[in-house]
Amino acid sequence: MSDLLEVQPHRAGTRPSATPAPAPAPAPAPAQSPAPTHALARWGLLRDLEHPRQVFAALTPNWYASVMGTGIVAVAAASLPEQFPGLRTAATAVWALAALLLVALTAATALHWLRHRRTARSHARDAVMVHFYGALPMALLTVGAGTLLLGRDVIGLHAALGVDWVLWSAGTLAGLVCAVSVPYLMFTRHDYRPDSAFGGWLMPVVPPMVSASTGALLVPYAAAGQPRLTLLLCCYAMFGISLLASLVVITLIWYRLALHGTGPARMVPTLWIVLGPLGQSVTAAGLLGGVAHQALPAPYAGAMQAFGVLYGVPVWGFALLWACLAGAITLRTVRSGLPFSLTWWSFTFPVGTVVTGTSGIALHTGSELFRVAAAVLYAVLVLAWLLVAARTARSSLRGRIFLPAGAARRAPGTAAGGRY
């Protein structure tokens, strides 16, 4: 699956460039993959694979984006100002699906590391794929938040709290490690050009912001006194870590778009990742401000609650601007051909964070405008998730999405430059 976002080949002894390689010219007569002989192929399952074990051979960390995108549909539903009959039940079912995906994908990833360790280690040396290590902590944090918000109806509050504390702690630790280690590798091991910046650069620095927003849900359940105060202040510190780093990266992405264009079609969906830190920061500011009074005295608690609105509304406006730009570029690309790949999950989680941020502003201000906007944006999120989930399921059942770059192009019916 390394064809998701390719890096240019490099000479031995040099650092790889993260500039997307131009689409290769189609071969005159590509060789067809050997016909599958395994039993599942008779039922149409994994028929693009020679053997089912190929599912684990080229598993990449960006698969966790599917857990993020599924989980945010549930979390966003739980936070909507307008609730209607059946919404919570449907959201709980989606949360359960995200949790099952997380467990299955984690087991598959462990198997991948056991059987294909060289391939697994190569992801850190890939100047593009390395950024998607940030998907794992965000998947953990999203499912954890869904467990507290929705899973409590199924497993009880006590068990939901326990699960969320574990997932939040693991996700926060992994996210902080990503926020330090991936930029370190960028600065010391990989070689980038002025046109290399893309939305994926945000993936390793956004997890602390997700920890800040999901940590706010745990503040009321932390022990009163210093433990609760420590949790709140740590969440604000992680808010700052992610916000400032994201602003740097977003500036570089704007620079790249202005001077070097949108790049290959397969890169275009990653433009939507910019909505992630924007929407998540609005969500975090609102949630943290709403619980600040439980740990801090006046005037700080009131100031933090006001900050949630004073920060949230302007940033929400910029998020809408970026959504319009990304939408226009995406529609332009669709007309010329947008191949399916796992980058399509960028249409889900970032949009979901804008939904939760919009819901937070609506609840804090009582604005009917934001209540309606939250419902409309959530409808867009659900439609995007249904589309991407269906395409992912279809490609997964055939097995094509599990093939490495070269093999994927040789699979019968696969268009050059991407997979369906």
Protein backbone atom coordinates (compact mmCIF):
# COMPACT_ATOMS: atom_id res chain seq x y z
CA MET A 1 0.00 0.00 0.00
CA SER A 2 2.97 2.31 -0.25
CA ASP A 3 1.52 3.63 -3.49
CA LEU A 4 -0.88 5.61 -1.31
CA LEU A 5 1.65 8.43 -1.31
CA GLU A 6 4.82 7.55 -3.13
CA VAL A 7 8.30 8.92 -2.62
CA GLN A 8 10.79 9.28 -5.41
CA PRO A 9 13.43 6.57 -5.72
CA HIS A 10 16.82 7.53 -4.38
CA ARG A 11 20.39 6.44 -4.80
CA ALA A 12 22.03 4.36 -2.12
CA GLY A 13 23.61 6.55 0.51
CA THR A 14 21.28 9.50 -0.05
CA ARG A 15 18.18 10.51 1.84
CA PRO A 16 14.80 9.88 0.20
CA SER A 17 12.86 12.83 -1.14
CA ALA A 18 9.25 13.25 -0.04
CA THR A 19 8.24 15.06 -3.21
CA PRO A 20 5.46 13.05 -4.84
CA ALA A 21 6.75 11.26 -7.92
CA PRO A 22 5.00 12.00 -11.21
CA ALA A 23 2.60 9.30 -12.35
CA PRO A 24 4.57 6.72 -14.35
CA ALA A 25 3.74 6.16 -17.97
CA PRO A 26 1.61 3.05 -18.40
CA ALA A 27 3.54 -0.01 -19.45
CA PRO A 28 2.87 -1.24 -23.00
CA ALA A 29 1.62 -4.63 -21.86
CA PRO A 30 1.72 -5.13 -18.10
CA ALA A 31 1.95 -8.67 -16.94
CA GLN A 32 -1.16 -10.00 -15.28
CA SER A 33 -0.97 -11.27 -11.72
CA PRO A 34 -1.17 -15.03 -11.36
CA ALA A 35 -4.70 -16.29 -10.92
CA PRO A 36 -5.53 -16.85 -7.24
CA THR A 37 -5.81 -20.46 -6.15
CA HIS A 38 -7.02 -20.07 -2.57
CA ALA A 39 -10.49 -21.20 -1.52
CA LEU A 40 -11.81 -17.74 -0.69
CA ALA A 41 -11.35 -16.63 -4.30
CA ARG A 42 -14.11 -19.02 -5.34
CA TRP A 43 -16.50 -16.85 -3.36
CA GLY A 44 -15.09 -13.64 -4.82
CA LEU A 45 -13.16 -12.76 -1.66
CA LEU A 46 -9.56 -11.52 -1.91
CA ARG A 47 -9.56 -12.58 -5.55
CA ASP A 48 -6.83 -10.06 -6.39
CA LEU A 49 -4.45 -11.81 -3.98
CA GLU A 50 -2.52 -14.98 -4.65
CA HIS A 51 -2.97 -16.00 -1.00
CA PRO A 52 -4.96 -14.52 1.94
CA ARG A 53 -1.79 -14.02 3.96
CA GLN A 54 -0.88 -11.18 1.61
CA VAL A 55 -3.35 -9.09 3.62
CA PHE A 56 -0.67 -8.72 6.31
CA ALA A 57 2.37 -8.35 4.05
CA ALA A 58 2.15 -4.63 3.24
CA LEU A 59 -0.05 -3.28 6.05
CA THR A 60 0.63 0.42 6.61
CA PRO A 61 -0.10 2.68 9.60
CA ASN A 62 -2.51 4.86 7.61
CA TRP A 63 -5.10 2.08 7.97
CA TYR A 64 -5.84 3.52 11.41
CA ALA A 65 -7.42 6.49 9.61
CA SER A 66 -10.41 4.21 8.99
CA VAL A 67 -10.84 3.81 12.75
CA MET A 68 -10.55 7.58 13.23
CA GLY A 69 -13.07 8.29 10.48
CA THR A 70 -15.56 5.75 11.81
CA GLY A 71 -15.16 6.74 15.45
CA ILE A 72 -15.68 10.44 14.82
CA VAL A 73 -19.08 9.74 13.24
CA ALA A 74 -20.18 8.32 16.59
CA VAL A 75 -18.52 10.98 18.75
CA ALA A 76 -19.91 13.83 16.65
CA ALA A 77 -23.42 12.40 16.91
CA ALA A 78 -23.20 12.31 20.70
CA SER A 79 -22.20 15.99 20.82
CA LEU A 80 -24.85 17.36 18.44
CA PRO A 81 -27.09 20.04 20.00
CA GLU A 82 -30.08 18.62 18.12
CA GLN A 83 -30.80 15.02 19.11
CA PHE A 84 -33.54 12.99 17.47
CA PRO A 85 -34.94 9.51 18.15
CA GLY A 86 -32.63 6.74 17.03
CA LEU A 87 -29.52 8.93 16.68
CA ARG A 88 -27.86 7.73 19.86
CA THR A 89 -28.62 4.09 19.07
CA ALA A 90 -27.14 4.44 15.58
CA ALA A 91 -24.13 6.29 16.96
CA THR A 92 -23.55 3.54 19.53
CA ALA A 93 -23.56 0.94 16.75
CA VAL A 94 -20.99 2.98 14.80
CA TRP A 95 -18.85 3.29 17.96
CA ALA A 96 -18.97 -0.50 18.36
CA LEU A 97 -17.86 -0.88 14.73
CA ALA A 98 -14.94 1.51 15.32
CA ALA A 99 -13.93 -0.43 18.42
CA LEU A 100 -14.00 -3.73 16.51
CA LEU A 101 -11.95 -2.17 13.71
CA LEU A 102 -9.41 -0.94 16.25
CA VAL A 103 -9.03 -4.40 17.79
CA ALA A 104 -8.84 -6.18 14.42
CA LEU A 105 -6.39 -3.69 12.95
CA THR A 106 -4.16 -3.77 16.02
CA ALA A 107 -4.05 -7.57 15.86
CA ALA A 108 -3.27 -7.42 12.12
CA THR A 109 -0.54 -4.85 12.73
CA ALA A 110 1.04 -7.03 15.41
CA LEU A 111 1.03 -9.96 12.99
CA HIS A 112 2.54 -7.72 10.31
CA TRP A 113 5.40 -6.79 12.64
CA LEU A 114 5.98 -10.45 13.55
CA ARG A 115 6.03 -11.79 9.99
CA HIS A 116 7.17 -8.79 7.95
CA ARG A 117 9.39 -6.85 10.30
CA ARG A 118 11.62 -5.45 7.55
CA THR A 119 8.63 -3.98 5.74
CA ALA A 120 7.20 -2.61 8.98
CA ARG A 121 10.48 -0.90 9.86
CA SER A 122 10.71 0.60 6.38
CA HIS A 123 7.71 2.84 7.11
CA ALA A 124 9.87 5.01 9.38
CA ARG A 125 12.37 5.43 6.53
CA ASP A 126 9.63 6.40 4.08
CA ALA A 127 9.57 10.20 4.03
CA VAL A 128 5.81 10.21 3.40
CA MET A 129 4.43 7.18 5.21
CA VAL A 130 6.23 8.04 8.45
CA HIS A 131 3.76 10.87 9.09
CA PHE A 132 0.86 8.43 9.28
CA TYR A 133 2.15 6.94 12.50
CA GLY A 134 0.04 9.71 14.03
CA ALA A 135 -3.11 7.86 13.00
CA LEU A 136 -2.68 5.17 15.69
CA PRO A 137 -2.84 7.46 18.75
CA MET A 138 -5.77 9.39 17.29
CA ALA A 139 -7.62 6.13 16.66
CA LEU A 140 -7.10 5.13 20.30
CA LEU A 141 -8.26 8.51 21.57
CA THR A 142 -11.34 8.61 19.34
CA VAL A 143 -12.54 5.15 20.34
CA GLY A 144 -11.83 5.98 23.98
CA ALA A 145 -13.97 9.12 23.82
CA GLY A 146 -16.74 7.18 22.11
CA THR A 147 -16.60 4.60 24.88
CA LEU A 148 -17.21 7.25 27.54
CA LEU A 149 -19.88 9.10 25.58
CA LEU A 150 -21.77 6.13 24.09
CA GLY A 151 -20.28 2.85 25.28
CA ARG A 152 -21.41 3.62 28.81
CA ASP A 153 -24.93 2.71 27.68
CA VAL A 154 -23.69 -0.78 26.84
CA ILE A 155 -20.97 -1.61 29.36
CA GLY A 156 -21.80 0.79 32.18
CA LEU A 157 -20.13 3.99 33.33
CA HIS A 158 -17.49 2.33 35.54
CA ALA A 159 -16.23 0.04 32.77
CA ALA A 160 -16.43 2.84 30.18
CA LEU A 161 -14.32 5.08 32.38
CA GLY A 162 -11.73 2.35 32.81
CA VAL A 163 -11.49 1.74 29.08
CA ASP A 164 -11.29 5.44 28.30
CA TRP A 165 -8.55 6.06 30.86
CA VAL A 166 -6.49 3.25 29.35
CA LEU A 167 -7.03 4.33 25.75
CA TRP A 168 -6.51 8.01 26.56
CA SER A 169 -3.27 7.31 28.42
CA ALA A 170 -1.93 5.05 25.67
CA GLY A 171 -3.04 7.43 22.92
CA THR A 172 -1.61 10.46 24.66
CA LEU A 173 1.76 8.81 25.26
CA ALA A 174 1.94 7.53 21.68
CA GLY A 175 0.83 10.92 20.36
CA LEU A 176 3.51 12.81 22.25
CA VAL A 177 6.14 10.36 21.03
CA CYS A 178 4.94 10.90 17.44
CA ALA A 179 4.92 14.67 17.87
CA VAL A 180 8.63 14.56 18.77
CA SER A 181 10.02 11.60 16.84
CA VAL A 182 8.47 12.18 13.41
CA PRO A 183 9.61 15.83 13.13
CA TYR A 184 13.02 14.67 14.38
CA LEU A 185 13.21 12.17 11.53
CA MET A 186 12.06 14.88 9.12
CA PHE A 187 14.83 17.21 10.26
CA THR A 188 17.64 14.66 10.41
CA ARG A 189 16.93 11.66 8.16
CA HIS A 190 14.68 12.70 5.30
CA ASP A 191 15.22 15.14 2.48
CA TYR A 192 12.42 17.50 1.48
CA ARG A 193 11.96 20.07 -1.27
CA PRO A 194 9.98 23.32 -1.25
CA ASP A 195 7.05 21.51 -2.90
CA SER A 196 7.06 18.56 -0.48
CA ALA A 197 4.63 19.87 2.13
CA PHE A 198 1.22 18.14 2.14
CA GLY A 199 -1.62 17.59 4.58
CA GLY A 200 -0.05 14.43 5.96
CA TRP A 201 2.60 16.53 7.69
CA LEU A 202 -0.09 17.41 10.22
CA MET A 203 -0.73 13.81 11.22
CA PRO A 204 2.07 13.49 13.82
CA VAL A 205 1.41 16.87 15.47
CA VAL A 206 -2.39 16.72 15.77
CA PRO A 207 -2.62 13.84 18.33
CA PRO A 208 -1.82 16.10 21.34
CA MET A 209 -4.78 18.29 20.33
CA VAL A 210 -7.02 15.20 20.26
CA SER A 211 -5.67 14.32 23.71
CA ALA A 212 -6.58 17.82 24.91
CA SER A 213 -10.18 17.59 23.72
CA THR A 214 -10.77 14.00 24.84
CA GLY A 215 -8.93 14.65 28.11
CA ALA A 216 -11.46 17.37 28.88
CA LEU A 217 -14.12 14.65 29.03
CA LEU A 218 -12.13 12.96 31.82
CA VAL A 219 -11.52 16.07 33.93
CA PRO A 220 -14.81 15.73 35.91
CA TYR A 221 -13.90 12.12 36.75
CA ALA A 222 -10.35 12.85 37.93
CA ALA A 223 -9.74 13.08 41.67
CA ALA A 224 -10.48 16.57 43.00
CA GLY A 225 -7.55 18.79 43.86
CA GLN A 226 -4.14 18.51 42.33
CA PRO A 227 -4.86 15.47 40.11
CA ARG A 228 -7.77 17.24 38.40
CA LEU A 229 -5.84 20.50 38.11
CA THR A 230 -2.84 18.68 36.65
CA LEU A 231 -4.97 16.96 34.05
CA LEU A 232 -6.60 20.24 33.01
CA LEU A 233 -3.32 22.13 32.72
CA CYS A 234 -1.65 19.28 30.84
CA CYS A 235 -4.51 19.32 28.35
CA TYR A 236 -4.01 23.04 27.80
CA ALA A 237 -0.27 22.45 27.33
CA MET A 238 -0.98 19.79 24.70
CA PHE A 239 -3.41 22.23 23.09
CA GLY A 240 -0.48 24.62 22.68
CA ILE A 241 1.91 21.95 21.41
CA SER A 242 -0.38 20.97 18.61
CA LEU A 243 -1.75 24.42 17.78
CA LEU A 244 1.60 26.13 17.23
CA ALA A 245 3.09 23.20 15.31
CA SER A 246 -0.03 22.98 13.14
CA LEU A 247 0.11 26.68 12.30
CA VAL A 248 3.65 26.23 11.00
CA VAL A 249 2.66 23.26 8.85
CA ILE A 250 -0.52 24.89 7.50
CA THR A 251 1.55 27.89 6.43
CA LEU A 252 3.91 25.58 4.54
CA ILE A 253 0.98 23.84 2.85
CA TRP A 254 -0.47 27.19 1.73
CA TYR A 255 2.99 28.15 0.41
CA ARG A 256 3.24 24.89 -1.50
CA LEU A 257 -0.20 25.29 -3.06
CA ALA A 258 0.45 28.88 -4.09
CA LEU A 259 3.88 28.28 -5.63
CA HIS A 260 3.77 24.66 -6.77
CA GLY A 261 0.12 23.79 -7.33
CA THR A 262 -2.02 20.96 -5.99
CA GLY A 263 0.23 18.10 -7.06
CA PRO A 264 -0.84 14.58 -8.08
CA ALA A 265 -4.52 13.67 -7.82
CA ARG A 266 -3.89 11.06 -5.13
CA MET A 267 -2.52 13.83 -2.87
CA VAL A 268 -5.58 16.08 -3.10
CA PRO A 269 -7.69 14.39 -0.36
CA THR A 270 -4.94 15.14 2.17
CA LEU A 271 -5.81 18.84 1.88
CA TRP A 272 -8.81 18.06 4.08
CA ILE A 273 -6.49 17.05 6.93
CA VAL A 274 -5.95 20.77 7.58
CA LEU A 275 -9.49 20.86 8.99
CA GLY A 276 -8.34 18.39 11.68
CA PRO A 277 -6.25 20.73 13.85
CA LEU A 278 -8.63 23.62 13.15
CA GLY A 279 -11.81 21.80 14.16
CA GLN A 280 -10.15 19.86 16.96
CA SER A 281 -8.68 23.02 18.48
CA VAL A 282 -12.12 24.65 18.51
CA THR A 283 -13.50 21.52 20.16
CA ALA A 284 -10.70 21.41 22.74
CA ALA A 285 -10.99 25.10 23.62
CA GLY A 286 -14.72 24.74 24.20
CA LEU A 287 -14.57 21.51 26.18
CA LEU A 288 -11.66 22.61 28.37
CA GLY A 289 -13.30 25.96 29.04
CA GLY A 290 -16.49 24.19 30.03
CA VAL A 291 -14.76 22.13 32.77
CA ALA A 292 -12.18 24.69 33.90
CA HIS A 293 -14.36 25.77 36.83
CA GLN A 294 -14.03 22.27 38.30
CA ALA A 295 -10.27 22.71 38.75
CA LEU A 296 -9.50 26.44 38.73
CA PRO A 297 -10.87 29.39 40.74
CA ALA A 298 -12.10 32.70 39.35
CA PRO A 299 -11.07 34.64 37.34
CA TYR A 300 -9.19 31.93 35.43
CA ALA A 301 -12.13 29.58 35.02
CA GLY A 302 -14.29 32.31 33.52
CA ALA A 303 -11.47 33.48 31.26
CA MET A 304 -10.91 29.98 29.95
CA GLN A 305 -14.60 29.54 29.23
CA ALA A 306 -14.67 32.86 27.38
CA PHE A 307 -11.53 31.85 25.47
CA GLY A 308 -13.43 28.84 24.10
CA VAL A 309 -15.80 31.19 22.27
CA LEU A 310 -13.37 34.02 21.46
CA TYR A 311 -10.93 31.53 19.94
CA GLY A 312 -13.48 29.14 18.52
CA VAL A 313 -15.59 31.42 16.32
CA PRO A 314 -12.71 33.03 14.34
CA VAL A 315 -10.94 29.71 13.82
CA TRP A 316 -14.25 28.14 12.79
CA GLY A 317 -14.51 30.84 10.14
CA PHE A 318 -11.06 29.98 8.77
CA ALA A 319 -12.00 26.30 8.80
CA LEU A 320 -14.96 27.08 6.54
CA LEU A 321 -12.67 29.04 4.22
CA TRP A 322 -10.31 26.09 3.98
CA ALA A 323 -13.22 23.68 3.47
CA CYS A 324 -14.38 25.76 0.51
CA LEU A 325 -10.89 25.80 -1.00
CA ALA A 326 -10.35 22.09 -0.44
CA GLY A 327 -13.80 21.32 -1.80
CA ALA A 328 -13.22 23.34 -4.97
CA ILE A 329 -9.84 21.68 -5.57
CA THR A 330 -11.34 18.24 -4.92
CA LEU A 331 -14.20 18.80 -7.39
CA ARG A 332 -11.71 20.03 -9.98
CA THR A 333 -9.65 16.88 -9.46
CA VAL A 334 -12.68 14.59 -9.61
CA ARG A 335 -13.46 15.87 -13.08
CA SER A 336 -10.03 14.79 -14.29
CA GLY A 337 -9.92 11.59 -12.24
CA LEU A 338 -9.48 10.96 -8.51
CA PRO A 339 -8.29 7.38 -7.89
CA PHE A 340 -9.46 5.71 -4.72
CA SER A 341 -6.94 5.12 -1.95
CA LEU A 342 -6.81 5.29 1.82
CA THR A 343 -6.29 9.06 1.56
CA TRP A 344 -10.05 9.27 1.03
CA TRP A 345 -10.43 8.82 4.79
CA SER A 346 -9.20 12.42 4.97
CA PHE A 347 -12.78 13.34 4.01
CA THR A 348 -14.09 12.01 7.34
CA PHE A 349 -12.20 12.64 10.58
CA PRO A 350 -11.20 16.27 9.82
CA VAL A 351 -14.79 17.13 8.88
CA GLY A 352 -15.95 15.40 12.06
CA THR A 353 -13.76 17.66 14.21
CA VAL A 354 -15.42 20.69 12.61
CA VAL A 355 -18.79 19.17 13.56
CA THR A 356 -17.77 18.75 17.20
CA GLY A 357 -16.29 22.25 17.26
CA THR A 358 -19.47 23.72 15.78
CA SER A 359 -21.59 21.85 18.33
CA GLY A 360 -19.45 23.22 21.15
CA ILE A 361 -19.88 26.81 19.99
CA ALA A 362 -23.63 26.27 19.65
CA LEU A 363 -23.91 24.94 23.20
CA HIS A 364 -21.79 27.75 24.69
CA THR A 365 -23.49 30.60 22.84
CA GLY A 366 -27.01 29.32 22.23
CA SER A 367 -26.67 30.40 18.61
CA GLU A 368 -29.28 28.94 16.27
CA LEU A 369 -26.88 29.51 13.37
CA PHE A 370 -24.35 27.13 14.84
CA ARG A 371 -27.01 24.60 15.84
CA VAL A 372 -28.16 24.40 12.22
CA ALA A 373 -24.57 24.42 10.92
CA ALA A 374 -23.69 21.50 13.19
CA ALA A 375 -26.59 19.44 11.85
CA VAL A 376 -25.76 20.25 8.22
CA LEU A 377 -22.07 19.49 8.66
CA TYR A 378 -22.92 16.22 10.40
CA ALA A 379 -25.07 15.19 7.44
CA VAL A 380 -22.11 15.91 5.15
CA LEU A 381 -19.88 13.84 7.43
CA VAL A 382 -22.23 10.86 7.35
CA LEU A 383 -22.47 10.95 3.55
CA ALA A 384 -18.69 11.16 3.23
CA TRP A 385 -18.23 8.27 5.66
CA LEU A 386 -20.75 6.08 3.84
CA LEU A 387 -18.98 6.70 0.53
CA VAL A 388 -15.46 6.11 1.80
CA ALA A 389 -16.42 3.11 3.94
CA ALA A 390 -18.20 1.48 0.99
CA ARG A 391 -15.23 2.00 -1.32
CA THR A 392 -12.82 0.70 1.31
CA ALA A 393 -14.98 -2.37 1.97
CA ARG A 394 -15.25 -3.11 -1.74
CA SER A 395 -11.51 -2.82 -2.29
CA SER A 396 -10.79 -4.84 0.87
CA LEU A 397 -13.09 -7.69 -0.13
CA ARG A 398 -11.32 -7.94 -3.47
CA GLY A 399 -7.94 -7.65 -1.73
CA ARG A 400 -6.57 -5.03 -4.11
CA ILE A 401 -6.02 -2.43 -1.41
CA PHE A 402 -3.67 -4.78 0.44
CA LEU A 403 -1.24 -5.07 -2.47
CA PRO A 404 2.04 -3.15 -2.45
CA ALA A 405 2.57 -0.40 -5.02
CA GLY A 406 3.92 -2.33 -8.01
CA ALA A 407 1.67 -5.32 -7.53
CA ALA A 408 -1.40 -3.09 -7.20
CA ARG A 409 -0.82 -1.62 -10.64
CA ARG A 410 -0.46 -5.07 -12.18
CA ALA A 411 -3.68 -6.36 -10.64
CA PRO A 412 -6.39 -6.87 -13.28
CA GLY A 413 -8.67 -3.84 -13.56
CA THR A 414 -6.43 -1.53 -11.54
CA ALA A 415 -5.87 1.93 -12.91
CA ALA A 416 -2.35 3.30 -12.81
CA GLY A 417 -1.75 5.65 -9.93
CA GLY A 418 -4.23 4.20 -7.49
CA ARG A 419 -6.64 1.42 -6.50
CA TYR A 420 -10.39 1.14 -6.41
